[in-house]
């Protein structure tokens, strides 16, 4: 059996995660992260959705990973994202990582706001 390495032209999937970190495209990022089209950057957490609002023209859905457990998104933050035309799905971070990878593979315009587990 021949195994071929997957290659991605554009946004890359989450390779792994663990206590306090994420691995994207083989690179380790510590702490909360914003996965946006074309880049990964540190994220200040549930009080700061400015990076996603600034990218509203290139994302359709934002997956919010709230750590090991599901937590509520502040109502004003959800309203601001939806008013910008961004669909929001809140889930535990492991589920958000898996869903992000699936949507990327489908060619969807997706971003992720991830709190570490």
C-alpha atoms as a PDB file:
ATOM      1  CA  UNK A   1       0.000   0.000   0.000  1.00  0.00           C
ATOM      2  CA  UNK A   2       1.274   3.436  -0.884  1.00  0.00           C
ATOM      3  CA  UNK A   3       0.652   6.342   1.465  1.00  0.00           C
ATOM      4  CA  UNK A   4       0.818   9.849   0.112  1.00  0.00           C
ATOM      5  CA  UNK A   5       1.357  12.885   2.254  1.00  0.00           C
ATOM      6  CA  UNK A   6      -1.577  15.300   2.144  1.00  0.00           C
ATOM      7  CA  UNK A   7      -0.738  18.755   0.862  1.00  0.00           C
ATOM      8  CA  UNK A   8      -2.845  21.850   1.387  1.00  0.00           C
ATOM      9  CA  UNK A   9      -2.762  24.910  -0.856  1.00  0.00           C
ATOM     10  CA  UNK A  10      -3.881  27.619   1.518  1.00  0.00           C
ATOM     11  CA  UNK A  11      -5.207  27.285   5.050  1.00  0.00           C
ATOM     12  CA  UNK A  12      -3.769  24.307   6.849  1.00  0.00           C
ATOM     13  CA  UNK A  13      -5.541  22.040   9.323  1.00  0.00           C
ATOM     14  CA  UNK A  14      -4.890  21.644  13.006  1.00  0.00           C
ATOM     15  CA  UNK A  15      -2.334  18.821  13.282  1.00  0.00           C
ATOM     16  CA  UNK A  16      -2.718  18.416  17.037  1.00  0.00           C
ATOM     17  CA  UNK A  17      -3.389  20.058  20.370  1.00  0.00           C
ATOM     18  CA  UNK A  18      -2.664  19.462  24.004  1.00  0.00           C
ATOM     19  CA  UNK A  19      -2.526  21.207  27.349  1.00  0.00           C
ATOM     20  CA  UNK A  20      -1.919  24.853  26.440  1.00  0.00           C
ATOM     21  CA  UNK A  21      -0.850  24.452  22.798  1.00  0.00           C
ATOM     22  CA  UNK A  22      -1.943  23.849  19.198  1.00  0.00           C
ATOM     23  CA  UNK A  23       0.084  22.439  16.311  1.00  0.00           C
ATOM     24  CA  UNK A  24      -0.788  23.858  12.884  1.00  0.00           C
ATOM     25  CA  UNK A  25       1.238  22.969   9.778  1.00  0.00           C
ATOM     26  CA  UNK A  26       3.844  21.367  12.033  1.00  0.00           C
ATOM     27  CA  UNK A  27       4.409  24.547  14.041  1.00  0.00           C
ATOM     28  CA  UNK A  28       3.516  24.743  17.740  1.00  0.00           C
ATOM     29  CA  UNK A  29       1.550  27.742  19.014  1.00  0.00           C
ATOM     30  CA  UNK A  30       1.123  28.302  22.751  1.00  0.00           C
ATOM     31  CA  UNK A  31      -2.067  29.660  24.302  1.00  0.00           C
ATOM     32  CA  UNK A  32      -5.312  30.759  22.672  1.00  0.00           C
ATOM     33  CA  UNK A  33      -5.135  31.062  18.879  1.00  0.00           C
ATOM     34  CA  UNK A  34      -7.074  32.661  16.034  1.00  0.00           C
ATOM     35  CA  UNK A  35      -6.995  30.559  12.861  1.00  0.00           C
ATOM     36  CA  UNK A  36      -7.808  32.930  10.035  1.00  0.00           C
ATOM     37  CA  UNK A  37      -7.458  32.521   6.273  1.00  0.00           C
ATOM     38  CA  UNK A  38      -3.730  32.642   5.570  1.00  0.00           C
ATOM     39  CA  UNK A  39      -2.504  33.005   9.143  1.00  0.00           C
ATOM     40  CA  UNK A  40      -2.473  31.832  12.742  1.00  0.00           C
ATOM     41  CA  UNK A  41      -2.153  34.450  15.457  1.00  0.00           C
ATOM     42  CA  UNK A  42      -2.426  34.716  19.203  1.00  0.00           C
ATOM     43  CA  UNK A  43      -5.937  35.456  20.425  1.00  0.00           C
ATOM     44  CA  UNK A  44      -6.951  37.371  23.573  1.00  0.00           C
ATOM     45  CA  UNK A  45      -9.950  35.124  24.264  1.00  0.00           C
ATOM     46  CA  UNK A  46     -13.716  35.465  24.460  1.00  0.00           C
ATOM     47  CA  UNK A  47     -13.603  39.223  25.027  1.00  0.00           C
ATOM     48  CA  UNK A  48     -11.813  39.892  21.702  1.00  0.00           C
ATOM     49  CA  UNK A  49     -13.407  39.009  18.378  1.00  0.00           C
ATOM     50  CA  UNK A  50     -11.861  41.957  16.503  1.00  0.00           C
ATOM     51  CA  UNK A  51      -9.563  39.749  14.362  1.00  0.00           C
ATOM     52  CA  UNK A  52     -12.583  37.814  13.094  1.00  0.00           C
ATOM     53  CA  UNK A  53     -14.713  40.907  12.491  1.00  0.00           C
ATOM     54  CA  UNK A  54     -11.836  42.379  10.466  1.00  0.00           C
ATOM     55  CA  UNK A  55     -11.842  39.227   8.299  1.00  0.00           C
ATOM     56  CA  UNK A  56     -15.637  39.070   7.868  1.00  0.00           C
ATOM     57  CA  UNK A  57     -15.341  39.417   4.089  1.00  0.00           C
ATOM     58  CA  UNK A  58     -13.337  36.171   3.801  1.00  0.00           C
ATOM     59  CA  UNK A  59     -15.025  33.886   6.357  1.00  0.00           C
ATOM     60  CA  UNK A  60     -18.542  32.477   6.473  1.00  0.00           C
ATOM     61  CA  UNK A  61     -18.393  30.539   9.715  1.00  0.00           C
ATOM     62  CA  UNK A  62     -16.434  30.911  12.937  1.00  0.00           C
ATOM     63  CA  UNK A  63     -15.908  27.905  15.167  1.00  0.00           C
ATOM     64  CA  UNK A  64     -15.316  28.903  18.769  1.00  0.00           C
ATOM     65  CA  UNK A  65     -13.511  26.284  20.852  1.00  0.00           C
ATOM     66  CA  UNK A  66     -14.090  27.102  24.515  1.00  0.00           C
ATOM     67  CA  UNK A  67     -11.563  24.720  26.063  1.00  0.00           C
ATOM     68  CA  UNK A  68     -12.295  21.287  27.518  1.00  0.00           C
ATOM     69  CA  UNK A  69     -15.966  22.144  28.111  1.00  0.00           C
ATOM     70  CA  UNK A  70     -18.576  24.142  26.237  1.00  0.00           C
ATOM     71  CA  UNK A  71     -19.074  27.683  27.571  1.00  0.00           C
ATOM     72  CA  UNK A  72     -21.506  30.361  26.500  1.00  0.00           C
ATOM     73  CA  UNK A  73     -20.359  33.065  24.128  1.00  0.00           C
ATOM     74  CA  UNK A  74     -21.090  36.608  25.383  1.00  0.00           C
ATOM     75  CA  UNK A  75     -24.348  37.753  23.742  1.00  0.00           C
ATOM     76  CA  UNK A  76     -22.926  41.057  22.501  1.00  0.00           C
ATOM     77  CA  UNK A  77     -19.999  39.235  20.858  1.00  0.00           C
ATOM     78  CA  UNK A  78     -22.323  36.775  19.087  1.00  0.00           C
ATOM     79  CA  UNK A  79     -24.558  39.609  17.863  1.00  0.00           C
ATOM     80  CA  UNK A  80     -21.595  41.569  16.487  1.00  0.00           C
ATOM     81  CA  UNK A  81     -20.277  38.535  14.592  1.00  0.00           C
ATOM     82  CA  UNK A  82     -23.690  37.651  13.179  1.00  0.00           C
ATOM     83  CA  UNK A  83     -24.320  41.280  12.185  1.00  0.00           C
ATOM     84  CA  UNK A  84     -21.064  41.082  10.190  1.00  0.00           C
ATOM     85  CA  UNK A  85     -22.435  38.048   8.335  1.00  0.00           C
ATOM     86  CA  UNK A  86     -20.401  35.442  10.213  1.00  0.00           C
ATOM     87  CA  UNK A  87     -22.133  32.268  11.359  1.00  0.00           C
ATOM     88  CA  UNK A  88     -20.989  31.227  14.833  1.00  0.00           C
ATOM     89  CA  UNK A  89     -20.754  27.714  16.274  1.00  0.00           C
ATOM     90  CA  UNK A  90     -19.599  27.249  19.872  1.00  0.00           C
ATOM     91  CA  UNK A  91     -18.217  23.899  21.036  1.00  0.00           C
ATOM     92  CA  UNK A  92     -15.455  22.331  23.103  1.00  0.00           C
ATOM     93  CA  UNK A  93     -12.018  22.889  21.568  1.00  0.00           C
ATOM     94  CA  UNK A  94     -11.394  19.254  20.502  1.00  0.00           C
ATOM     95  CA  UNK A  95     -14.680  19.293  18.553  1.00  0.00           C
ATOM     96  CA  UNK A  96     -13.865  22.711  17.095  1.00  0.00           C
ATOM     97  CA  UNK A  97     -10.493  21.449  15.811  1.00  0.00           C
ATOM     98  CA  UNK A  98     -12.056  18.399  14.167  1.00  0.00           C
ATOM     99  CA  UNK A  99     -14.892  20.424  12.630  1.00  0.00           C
ATOM    100  CA  UNK A 100     -12.444  23.077  11.396  1.00  0.00           C
ATOM    101  CA  UNK A 101     -10.405  20.402   9.592  1.00  0.00           C
ATOM    102  CA  UNK A 102     -13.514  18.899   7.968  1.00  0.00           C
ATOM    103  CA  UNK A 103     -14.778  22.284   6.763  1.00  0.00           C
ATOM    104  CA  UNK A 104     -11.325  23.163   5.384  1.00  0.00           C
ATOM    105  CA  UNK A 105     -11.265  19.883   3.477  1.00  0.00           C
ATOM    106  CA  UNK A 106     -14.662  20.807   1.998  1.00  0.00           C
ATOM    107  CA  UNK A 107     -13.258  24.144   0.827  1.00  0.00           C
ATOM    108  CA  UNK A 108     -15.426  26.194   3.168  1.00  0.00           C
ATOM    109  CA  UNK A 109     -14.518  29.739   4.251  1.00  0.00           C
ATOM    110  CA  UNK A 110     -13.937  28.947   7.914  1.00  0.00           C
ATOM    111  CA  UNK A 111     -12.030  30.436  10.841  1.00  0.00           C
ATOM    112  CA  UNK A 112     -11.502  29.172  14.369  1.00  0.00           C
ATOM    113  CA  UNK A 113     -11.145  30.871  17.735  1.00  0.00           C
ATOM    114  CA  UNK A 114      -9.495  28.306  19.981  1.00  0.00           C
ATOM    115  CA  UNK A 115      -8.943  28.314  23.718  1.00  0.00           C
ATOM    116  CA  UNK A 116      -6.508  25.617  24.842  1.00  0.00           C
ATOM    117  CA  UNK A 117      -7.657  22.489  26.637  1.00  0.00           C
END
